Amino acid sequence: MEDNKIIDALLAEPETGLQFLLTQYGGLIHTVICRILPNNPQDAEECAADVLVAAWKHAAEFKQQNRPLRAWLCVTARNAAIDRWRALRPRQQECELNNELAQDWMTERRSTEAEELIAQLLTELPEPDREIFFRRYYYRESCREIGRRLNMQEHTVNVRLSRGRKKLRKQFAALRNTY
């Protein structure tokens, strides 16, 4: 079904429009949310409902601005899931990263050789880059939170992440070529 028909239905008959939206994009919304909330089916379901309600509320904007519905749904689902995850997660505020955490992370079961290589490269990063990466991608802390915790500006955290990703990409490519 075309997005225009879904939007028209949302405006004319919201219940039918939501059914169309769910039929067309329900799987996509669910997939995006479950990547962030894999162990919280009830919270994932609530997030999906929030996304559907938000789509209904913004239907007039979609019609007026001719916005792509799929992209908006993906971003909205992702943001809703991240907000829910942050609200639910146990506070790691006082948790200091150390070699034990890095070792625990390193020894978690990896499903591919590539994941094992990346885990190895992450544990070899120098400080504070290693801590920044773990906080960002393991604890899913925002760059602002990381900067506050490490007495750095948010921009500095972003730059270190960007440079670190480039370095890891290069090292990863070199390691993969040796296997």
N, C-alpha and C. Protein backbone atom coordinates (compact mmCIF):
# COMPACT_ATOMS: atom_id res chain seq x y z
N MET A 1 0.84 -1.17 0.00
CA MET A 1 0.00 0.00 0.00
C MET A 1 0.89 1.24 0.00
N GLU A 2 0.48 2.24 -0.73
CA GLU A 2 1.25 3.48 -0.82
C GLU A 2 1.11 4.30 0.45
N ASP A 3 2.16 5.04 0.75
CA ASP A 3 2.15 5.89 1.94
C ASP A 3 1.01 6.90 1.91
N ASN A 4 0.73 7.46 0.73
CA ASN A 4 -0.35 8.46 0.63
C ASN A 4 -1.69 7.88 1.06
N LYS A 5 -1.95 6.65 0.70
CA LYS A 5 -3.22 6.02 1.09
C LYS A 5 -3.27 5.77 2.60
N ILE A 6 -2.13 5.39 3.16
CA ILE A 6 -2.07 5.19 4.61
C ILE A 6 -2.32 6.51 5.33
N ILE A 7 -1.68 7.57 4.86
CA ILE A 7 -1.82 8.88 5.49
C ILE A 7 -3.26 9.38 5.36
N ASP A 8 -3.84 9.22 4.17
CA ASP A 8 -5.24 9.62 3.98
C ASP A 8 -6.15 8.86 4.94
N ALA A 9 -5.89 7.57 5.09
CA ALA A 9 -6.70 6.76 6.00
C ALA A 9 -6.51 7.21 7.45
N LEU A 10 -5.26 7.54 7.83
CA LEU A 10 -5.01 8.03 9.19
C LEU A 10 -5.80 9.30 9.47
N LEU A 11 -5.92 10.15 8.47
CA LEU A 11 -6.65 11.41 8.64
C LEU A 11 -8.16 11.20 8.64
N ALA A 12 -8.65 10.33 7.75
CA ALA A 12 -10.10 10.14 7.62
C ALA A 12 -10.66 9.18 8.67
N GLU A 13 -10.03 8.03 8.80
CA GLU A 13 -10.47 7.00 9.74
C GLU A 13 -9.24 6.47 10.48
N PRO A 14 -8.87 7.10 11.60
CA PRO A 14 -7.62 6.74 12.29
C PRO A 14 -7.48 5.25 12.60
N GLU A 15 -8.55 4.59 12.98
CA GLU A 15 -8.45 3.17 13.32
C GLU A 15 -8.05 2.34 12.10
N THR A 16 -8.66 2.62 10.98
CA THR A 16 -8.32 1.91 9.74
C THR A 16 -6.91 2.28 9.29
N GLY A 17 -6.58 3.57 9.39
CA GLY A 17 -5.25 4.03 9.00
C GLY A 17 -4.16 3.38 9.84
N LEU A 18 -4.41 3.23 11.13
CA LEU A 18 -3.43 2.57 12.00
C LEU A 18 -3.28 1.09 11.62
N GLN A 19 -4.39 0.46 11.25
CA GLN A 19 -4.32 -0.94 10.79
C GLN A 19 -3.46 -1.04 9.52
N PHE A 20 -3.70 -0.13 8.57
CA PHE A 20 -2.90 -0.12 7.34
C PHE A 20 -1.43 0.11 7.66
N LEU A 21 -1.18 1.08 8.54
CA LEU A 21 0.20 1.39 8.93
C LEU A 21 0.87 0.19 9.58
N LEU A 22 0.15 -0.46 10.45
CA LEU A 22 0.68 -1.64 11.14
C LEU A 22 0.94 -2.78 10.16
N THR A 23 0.04 -2.97 9.22
CA THR A 23 0.22 -4.02 8.22
C THR A 23 1.44 -3.74 7.34
N GLN A 24 1.58 -2.50 6.91
CA GLN A 24 2.67 -2.13 6.01
C GLN A 24 4.02 -2.03 6.71
N TYR A 25 4.03 -1.43 7.91
CA TYR A 25 5.30 -1.11 8.55
C TYR A 25 5.48 -1.70 9.94
N GLY A 26 4.55 -2.50 10.39
CA GLY A 26 4.64 -3.07 11.73
C GLY A 26 5.90 -3.90 11.94
N GLY A 27 6.26 -4.70 10.97
CA GLY A 27 7.46 -5.53 11.07
C GLY A 27 8.72 -4.68 11.16
N LEU A 28 8.78 -3.64 10.37
CA LEU A 28 9.94 -2.73 10.40
C LEU A 28 10.06 -2.04 11.76
N ILE A 29 8.94 -1.52 12.24
CA ILE A 29 8.94 -0.84 13.54
C ILE A 29 9.39 -1.81 14.63
N HIS A 30 8.84 -3.01 14.60
CA HIS A 30 9.19 -4.03 15.60
C HIS A 30 10.68 -4.37 15.54
N THR A 31 11.21 -4.53 14.35
CA THR A 31 12.63 -4.87 14.19
C THR A 31 13.53 -3.78 14.74
N VAL A 32 13.23 -2.53 14.42
CA VAL A 32 14.04 -1.42 14.90
C VAL A 32 14.03 -1.37 16.42
N ILE A 33 12.85 -1.50 16.99
CA ILE A 33 12.71 -1.41 18.45
C ILE A 33 13.39 -2.59 19.14
N CYS A 34 13.21 -3.78 18.61
CA CYS A 34 13.76 -4.98 19.27
C CYS A 34 15.28 -5.06 19.19
N ARG A 35 15.89 -4.33 18.29
CA ARG A 35 17.36 -4.27 18.27
C ARG A 35 17.88 -3.52 19.49
N ILE A 36 17.08 -2.62 20.00
CA ILE A 36 17.48 -1.83 21.16
C ILE A 36 16.93 -2.42 22.44
N LEU A 37 15.76 -3.02 22.38
CA LEU A 37 15.11 -3.62 23.56
C LEU A 37 14.87 -5.11 23.32
N PRO A 38 15.93 -5.89 23.10
CA PRO A 38 15.74 -7.29 22.74
C PRO A 38 15.13 -8.16 23.84
N ASN A 39 15.31 -7.78 25.09
CA ASN A 39 14.83 -8.62 26.19
C ASN A 39 13.63 -8.03 26.90
N ASN A 40 12.99 -7.07 26.29
CA ASN A 40 11.85 -6.39 26.91
C ASN A 40 10.65 -6.39 25.97
N PRO A 41 9.99 -7.53 25.75
CA PRO A 41 8.89 -7.56 24.78
C PRO A 41 7.73 -6.62 25.13
N GLN A 42 7.43 -6.49 26.41
CA GLN A 42 6.33 -5.61 26.80
C GLN A 42 6.70 -4.15 26.52
N ASP A 43 7.92 -3.77 26.85
CA ASP A 43 8.37 -2.41 26.57
C ASP A 43 8.46 -2.16 25.07
N ALA A 44 8.88 -3.16 24.32
CA ALA A 44 8.96 -3.02 22.87
C ALA A 44 7.56 -2.80 22.29
N GLU A 45 6.60 -3.52 22.81
CA GLU A 45 5.22 -3.37 22.36
C GLU A 45 4.69 -1.96 22.68
N GLU A 46 5.00 -1.47 23.86
CA GLU A 46 4.58 -0.12 24.24
C GLU A 46 5.25 0.93 23.36
N CYS A 47 6.52 0.73 23.04
CA CYS A 47 7.22 1.65 22.14
C CYS A 47 6.56 1.67 20.77
N ALA A 48 6.23 0.49 20.27
CA ALA A 48 5.58 0.40 18.96
C ALA A 48 4.25 1.15 18.99
N ALA A 49 3.50 1.00 20.06
CA ALA A 49 2.23 1.72 20.18
C ALA A 49 2.48 3.23 20.20
N ASP A 50 3.52 3.66 20.88
CA ASP A 50 3.87 5.09 20.92
C ASP A 50 4.20 5.61 19.52
N VAL A 51 4.90 4.79 18.74
CA VAL A 51 5.27 5.19 17.38
C VAL A 51 4.01 5.31 16.52
N LEU A 52 3.09 4.37 16.66
CA LEU A 52 1.85 4.43 15.88
C LEU A 52 1.03 5.67 16.24
N VAL A 53 0.94 5.97 17.52
CA VAL A 53 0.21 7.16 17.96
C VAL A 53 0.88 8.42 17.42
N ALA A 54 2.21 8.45 17.47
CA ALA A 54 2.94 9.61 16.94
C ALA A 54 2.69 9.78 15.44
N ALA A 55 2.65 8.67 14.70
CA ALA A 55 2.37 8.74 13.27
C ALA A 55 0.97 9.30 13.02
N TRP A 56 0.02 8.87 13.82
CA TRP A 56 -1.34 9.37 13.68
C TRP A 56 -1.38 10.89 13.96
N LYS A 57 -0.68 11.31 15.01
CA LYS A 57 -0.66 12.73 15.36
C LYS A 57 0.03 13.59 14.29
N HIS A 58 0.99 13.01 13.57
CA HIS A 58 1.74 13.77 12.57
C HIS A 58 1.22 13.54 11.15
N ALA A 59 0.12 12.84 10.98
CA ALA A 59 -0.39 12.51 9.65
C ALA A 59 -0.62 13.75 8.79
N ALA A 60 -1.15 14.80 9.39
CA ALA A 60 -1.40 16.03 8.63
C ALA A 60 -0.09 16.62 8.10
N GLU A 61 0.97 16.55 8.92
CA GLU A 61 2.29 17.05 8.48
C GLU A 61 2.81 16.22 7.31
N PHE A 62 2.64 14.90 7.38
CA PHE A 62 3.09 14.03 6.29
C PHE A 62 2.38 14.42 4.99
N LYS A 63 1.07 14.64 5.10
CA LYS A 63 0.27 14.99 3.92
C LYS A 63 0.73 16.33 3.36
N GLN A 64 0.90 17.30 4.23
CA GLN A 64 1.26 18.65 3.83
C GLN A 64 2.68 18.74 3.26
N GLN A 65 3.62 18.06 3.90
CA GLN A 65 5.03 18.19 3.52
C GLN A 65 5.51 17.06 2.61
N ASN A 66 4.64 16.11 2.34
CA ASN A 66 4.99 14.96 1.49
C ASN A 66 6.25 14.27 1.99
N ARG A 67 6.30 14.01 3.30
CA ARG A 67 7.46 13.37 3.95
C ARG A 67 7.46 11.86 3.70
N PRO A 68 8.65 11.26 3.61
CA PRO A 68 8.72 9.80 3.48
C PRO A 68 8.37 9.14 4.82
N LEU A 69 7.34 8.35 4.82
CA LEU A 69 6.81 7.74 6.04
C LEU A 69 7.78 6.70 6.61
N ARG A 70 8.35 5.88 5.76
CA ARG A 70 9.24 4.80 6.22
C ARG A 70 10.42 5.33 7.03
N ALA A 71 11.10 6.33 6.51
CA ALA A 71 12.27 6.90 7.21
C ALA A 71 11.85 7.51 8.54
N TRP A 72 10.74 8.24 8.55
CA TRP A 72 10.26 8.87 9.78
C TRP A 72 9.93 7.81 10.82
N LEU A 73 9.29 6.73 10.39
CA LEU A 73 8.94 5.64 11.33
C LEU A 73 10.19 4.99 11.92
N CYS A 74 11.21 4.77 11.08
CA CYS A 74 12.46 4.16 11.57
C CYS A 74 13.12 5.04 12.63
N VAL A 75 13.23 6.33 12.34
CA VAL A 75 13.87 7.25 13.28
C VAL A 75 13.05 7.37 14.56
N THR A 76 11.74 7.47 14.42
CA THR A 76 10.87 7.61 15.59
C THR A 76 10.90 6.35 16.44
N ALA A 77 10.89 5.18 15.80
CA ALA A 77 10.96 3.91 16.54
C ALA A 77 12.29 3.80 17.27
N ARG A 78 13.36 4.14 16.59
CA ARG A 78 14.69 4.09 17.21
C ARG A 78 14.76 5.01 18.43
N ASN A 79 14.31 6.24 18.26
CA ASN A 79 14.37 7.20 19.36
C ASN A 79 13.49 6.79 20.53
N ALA A 80 12.31 6.27 20.23
CA ALA A 80 11.41 5.82 21.31
C ALA A 80 12.05 4.67 22.08
N ALA A 81 12.67 3.73 21.35
CA ALA A 81 13.30 2.59 22.01
C ALA A 81 14.50 3.02 22.85
N ILE A 82 15.29 3.94 22.35
CA ILE A 82 16.44 4.43 23.10
C ILE A 82 15.97 5.15 24.36
N ASP A 83 14.95 5.98 24.22
CA ASP A 83 14.41 6.66 25.40
C ASP A 83 13.91 5.66 26.43
N ARG A 84 13.23 4.63 25.98
CA ARG A 84 12.71 3.62 26.91
C ARG A 84 13.86 2.85 27.55
N TRP A 85 14.87 2.50 26.74
CA TRP A 85 16.02 1.76 27.26
C TRP A 85 16.73 2.58 28.33
N ARG A 86 16.93 3.87 28.07
CA ARG A 86 17.59 4.72 29.05
C ARG A 86 16.80 4.83 30.34
N ALA A 87 15.48 4.88 30.22
CA ALA A 87 14.65 4.97 31.41
C ALA A 87 14.68 3.68 32.22
N LEU A 88 14.86 2.56 31.54
CA LEU A 88 14.81 1.25 32.21
C LEU A 88 16.15 0.75 32.72
N ARG A 89 17.22 1.18 32.08
CA ARG A 89 18.53 0.58 32.39
C ARG A 89 18.93 0.84 33.84
N PRO A 90 19.63 -0.10 34.40
CA PRO A 90 20.17 0.13 35.73
C PRO A 90 21.21 1.24 35.63
N ARG A 91 21.20 2.10 36.55
CA ARG A 91 22.13 3.22 36.52
C ARG A 91 23.56 2.74 36.68
N GLN A 92 24.38 3.11 35.73
CA GLN A 92 25.80 2.76 35.76
C GLN A 92 26.61 3.97 36.20
N GLN A 93 25.96 4.93 36.84
CA GLN A 93 26.59 6.21 37.13
C GLN A 93 27.93 6.09 37.82
N GLU A 94 28.03 5.23 38.80
CA GLU A 94 29.26 5.15 39.58
C GLU A 94 30.16 3.99 39.15
N CYS A 95 29.76 3.30 38.12
CA CYS A 95 30.54 2.13 37.67
C CYS A 95 31.80 2.60 36.96
N GLU A 96 32.92 2.20 37.45
CA GLU A 96 34.18 2.52 36.81
C GLU A 96 34.57 1.36 35.90
N LEU A 97 34.95 1.68 34.70
CA LEU A 97 35.40 0.63 33.79
C LEU A 97 36.79 0.20 34.20
N ASN A 98 37.04 -1.07 34.10
CA ASN A 98 38.35 -1.57 34.45
C ASN A 98 38.69 -2.76 33.57
N ASN A 99 39.84 -3.34 33.79
CA ASN A 99 40.26 -4.47 32.98
C ASN A 99 39.31 -5.65 33.13
N GLU A 100 38.72 -5.80 34.31
CA GLU A 100 37.80 -6.92 34.54
C GLU A 100 36.59 -6.80 33.62
N LEU A 101 36.01 -5.59 33.52
CA LEU A 101 34.88 -5.39 32.64
C LEU A 101 35.28 -5.67 31.19
N ALA A 102 36.41 -5.12 30.80
CA ALA A 102 36.88 -5.34 29.43
C ALA A 102 37.07 -6.83 29.17
N GLN A 103 37.61 -7.55 30.15
CA GLN A 103 37.82 -8.99 29.99
C GLN A 103 36.47 -9.72 29.90
N ASP A 104 35.51 -9.31 30.75
CA ASP A 104 34.18 -9.91 30.68
C ASP A 104 33.58 -9.70 29.30
N TRP A 105 33.71 -8.47 28.80
CA TRP A 105 33.16 -8.16 27.49
C TRP A 105 33.85 -8.97 26.41
N MET A 106 35.14 -9.10 26.56
CA MET A 106 35.94 -9.83 25.57
C MET A 106 35.56 -11.31 25.54
N THR A 107 35.24 -11.88 26.70
CA THR A 107 34.98 -13.31 26.74
C THR A 107 33.52 -13.67 26.50
N GLU A 108 32.63 -12.66 26.34
CA GLU A 108 31.25 -12.98 26.00
C GLU A 108 31.25 -13.74 24.68
N ARG A 109 30.27 -14.57 24.53
CA ARG A 109 30.18 -15.37 23.30
C ARG A 109 29.99 -14.46 22.09
N ARG A 110 30.82 -14.60 21.11
CA ARG A 110 30.73 -13.85 19.87
C ARG A 110 30.22 -14.80 18.79
N SER A 111 29.36 -14.30 17.94
CA SER A 111 28.78 -15.18 16.94
C SER A 111 29.62 -15.29 15.67
N THR A 112 30.53 -14.34 15.48
CA THR A 112 31.35 -14.41 14.27
C THR A 112 32.80 -14.10 14.60
N GLU A 113 33.66 -14.49 13.70
CA GLU A 113 35.09 -14.20 13.83
C GLU A 113 35.31 -12.69 13.81
N ALA A 114 34.52 -11.98 13.01
CA ALA A 114 34.64 -10.53 12.94
C ALA A 114 34.36 -9.89 14.29
N GLU A 115 33.35 -10.35 14.99
CA GLU A 115 33.03 -9.80 16.31
C GLU A 115 34.16 -10.07 17.29
N GLU A 116 34.79 -11.23 17.18
CA GLU A 116 35.92 -11.54 18.06
C GLU A 116 37.09 -10.60 17.78
N LEU A 117 37.35 -10.33 16.51
CA LEU A 117 38.43 -9.41 16.15
C LEU A 117 38.15 -8.00 16.68
N ILE A 118 36.92 -7.54 16.52
CA ILE A 118 36.56 -6.21 17.00
C ILE A 118 36.70 -6.13 18.51
N ALA A 119 36.23 -7.16 19.21
CA ALA A 119 36.35 -7.17 20.68
C ALA A 119 37.81 -7.10 21.09
N GLN A 120 38.67 -7.83 20.40
CA GLN A 120 40.10 -7.80 20.71
C GLN A 120 40.68 -6.41 20.49
N LEU A 121 40.32 -5.79 19.36
CA LEU A 121 40.83 -4.45 19.07
C LEU A 121 40.35 -3.44 20.11
N LEU A 122 39.11 -3.57 20.55
CA LEU A 122 38.58 -2.64 21.55
C LEU A 122 39.33 -2.74 22.88
N THR A 123 39.66 -3.95 23.27
CA THR A 123 40.36 -4.10 24.55
C THR A 123 41.79 -3.56 24.48
N GLU A 124 42.32 -3.40 23.27
CA GLU A 124 43.68 -2.89 23.10
C GLU A 124 43.74 -1.37 22.93
N LEU A 125 42.59 -0.71 22.91
CA LEU A 125 42.59 0.75 22.78
C LEU A 125 43.24 1.40 24.00
N PRO A 126 43.95 2.50 23.81
CA PRO A 126 44.52 3.22 24.96
C PRO A 126 43.42 3.98 25.71
N GLU A 127 43.69 4.28 26.97
CA GLU A 127 42.77 5.10 27.75
C GLU A 127 42.96 6.56 27.35
N PRO A 128 41.98 7.40 27.37
CA PRO A 128 40.60 7.16 27.77
C PRO A 128 39.72 6.66 26.63
N ASP A 129 40.31 6.45 25.43
CA ASP A 129 39.50 6.01 24.29
C ASP A 129 38.76 4.70 24.57
N ARG A 130 39.44 3.78 25.24
CA ARG A 130 38.82 2.50 25.54
C ARG A 130 37.57 2.71 26.40
N GLU A 131 37.73 3.53 27.43
CA GLU A 131 36.59 3.78 28.30
C GLU A 131 35.46 4.49 27.55
N ILE A 132 35.81 5.42 26.68
CA ILE A 132 34.80 6.13 25.89
C ILE A 132 34.03 5.12 25.03
N PHE A 133 34.76 4.23 24.35
CA PHE A 133 34.10 3.25 23.50
C PHE A 133 33.19 2.32 24.30
N PHE A 134 33.69 1.84 25.43
CA PHE A 134 32.86 0.95 26.25
C PHE A 134 31.63 1.67 26.76
N ARG A 135 31.81 2.89 27.21
CA ARG A 135 30.66 3.63 27.74
C ARG A 135 29.64 3.92 26.64
N ARG A 136 30.12 4.23 25.46
CA ARG A 136 29.21 4.57 24.36
C ARG A 136 28.51 3.33 23.81
N TYR A 137 29.27 2.28 23.53
CA TYR A 137 28.71 1.14 22.81
C TYR A 137 28.35 -0.05 23.70
N TYR A 138 28.84 -0.10 24.91
CA TYR A 138 28.49 -1.18 25.84
C TYR A 138 27.38 -0.72 26.77
N TYR A 139 27.59 0.45 27.38
CA TYR A 139 26.57 0.99 28.29
C TYR A 139 25.57 1.89 27.59
N ARG A 140 25.85 2.24 26.34
CA ARG A 140 24.99 3.10 25.53
C ARG A 140 24.77 4.47 26.17
N GLU A 141 25.79 4.99 26.79
CA GLU A 141 25.71 6.32 27.36
C GLU A 141 25.83 7.34 26.23
N SER A 142 25.20 8.46 26.41
CA SER A 142 25.30 9.53 25.41
C SER A 142 26.69 10.17 25.51
N CYS A 143 27.08 10.84 24.44
CA CYS A 143 28.37 11.52 24.45
C CYS A 143 28.40 12.61 25.52
N ARG A 144 27.26 13.21 25.75
CA ARG A 144 27.18 14.24 26.80
C ARG A 144 27.45 13.62 28.17
N GLU A 145 26.84 12.46 28.45
CA GLU A 145 27.07 11.77 29.73
C GLU A 145 28.53 11.38 29.88
N ILE A 146 29.11 10.85 28.82
CA ILE A 146 30.51 10.42 28.87
C ILE A 146 31.41 11.62 29.13
N GLY A 147 31.16 12.71 28.42
CA GLY A 147 31.96 13.91 28.61
C GLY A 147 31.87 14.43 30.04
N ARG A 148 30.68 14.43 30.59
CA ARG A 148 30.50 14.90 31.97
C ARG A 148 31.27 14.01 32.93
N ARG A 149 31.18 12.70 32.72
CA ARG A 149 31.84 11.75 33.61
C ARG A 149 33.36 11.83 33.52
N LEU A 150 33.89 12.08 32.33
CA LEU A 150 35.34 12.09 32.13
C LEU A 150 35.92 13.51 32.08
N ASN A 151 35.12 14.49 32.43
CA ASN A 151 35.55 15.89 32.41
C ASN A 151 36.07 16.31 31.04
N MET A 152 35.29 15.98 30.02
CA MET A 152 35.62 16.35 28.65
C MET A 152 34.41 17.05 28.04
N GLN A 153 34.66 17.82 27.02
CA GLN A 153 33.55 18.40 26.29
C GLN A 153 32.92 17.32 25.41
N GLU A 154 31.64 17.45 25.17
CA GLU A 154 30.93 16.48 24.33
C GLU A 154 31.59 16.38 22.95
N HIS A 155 32.01 17.51 22.42
CA HIS A 155 32.68 17.53 21.12
C HIS A 155 33.96 16.68 21.14
N THR A 156 34.70 16.76 22.22
CA THR A 156 35.94 15.98 22.35
C THR A 156 35.62 14.49 22.33
N VAL A 157 34.57 14.10 23.02
CA VAL A 157 34.16 12.70 23.03
C VAL A 157 33.80 12.26 21.62
N ASN A 158 33.04 13.08 20.90
CA ASN A 158 32.66 12.75 19.53
C ASN A 158 33.88 12.61 18.62
N VAL A 159 34.84 13.50 18.78
CA VAL A 159 36.06 13.45 17.96
C VAL A 159 36.84 12.17 18.27
N ARG A 160 36.98 11.84 19.55
CA ARG A 160 37.71 10.62 19.93
C ARG A 160 37.00 9.37 19.38
N LEU A 161 35.67 9.37 19.42
CA LEU A 161 34.93 8.23 18.86
C LEU A 161 35.15 8.14 17.36
N SER A 162 35.09 9.26 16.68
CA SER A 162 35.28 9.26 15.23
C SER A 162 36.68 8.78 14.85
N ARG A 163 37.68 9.31 15.51
CA ARG A 163 39.06 8.90 15.22
C ARG A 163 39.28 7.44 15.60
N GLY A 164 38.69 7.04 16.70
CA GLY A 164 38.82 5.65 17.14
C GLY A 164 38.19 4.68 16.15
N ARG A 165 37.01 5.05 15.63
CA ARG A 165 36.35 4.18 14.64
C ARG A 165 37.21 4.04 13.39
N LYS A 166 37.80 5.15 12.95
CA LYS A 166 38.68 5.09 11.77
C LYS A 166 39.87 4.16 12.03
N LYS A 167 40.46 4.32 13.20
CA LYS A 167 41.61 3.49 13.58
C LYS A 167 41.21 2.02 13.65
N LEU A 168 40.07 1.75 14.27
CA LEU A 168 39.60 0.37 14.39
C LEU A 168 39.28 -0.23 13.03
N ARG A 169 38.69 0.58 12.14
CA ARG A 169 38.38 0.09 10.80
C ARG A 169 39.65 -0.34 10.08
N LYS A 170 40.68 0.51 10.19
CA LYS A 170 41.95 0.23 9.53
C LYS A 170 42.60 -1.04 10.12
N GLN A 171 42.63 -1.12 11.46
CA GLN A 171 43.21 -2.29 12.11
C GLN A 171 42.40 -3.56 11.79
N PHE A 172 41.10 -3.43 11.77
CA PHE A 172 40.23 -4.56 11.48
C PHE A 172 40.50 -5.08 10.07
N ALA A 173 40.59 -4.17 9.12
CA ALA A 173 40.86 -4.58 7.73
C ALA A 173 42.21 -5.29 7.64
N ALA A 174 43.20 -4.77 8.34
CA ALA A 174 44.53 -5.39 8.31
C ALA A 174 44.49 -6.79 8.94
N LEU A 175 43.80 -6.92 10.06
CA LEU A 175 43.68 -8.23 10.71
C LEU A 175 42.92 -9.23 9.86
N ARG A 176 41.84 -8.78 9.24
CA ARG A 176 41.04 -9.69 8.41
C ARG A 176 41.84 -10.21 7.23
N ASN A 177 42.73 -9.36 6.70
CA ASN A 177 43.55 -9.78 5.57
C ASN A 177 44.58 -10.82 5.97
N THR A 178 44.93 -10.89 7.25
CA THR A 178 45.93 -11.85 7.68
C THR A 178 45.30 -13.22 7.96
N TYR A 179 43.96 -13.27 8.10
CA TYR A 179 43.29 -14.55 8.39
C TYR A 179 42.91 -15.27 7.14
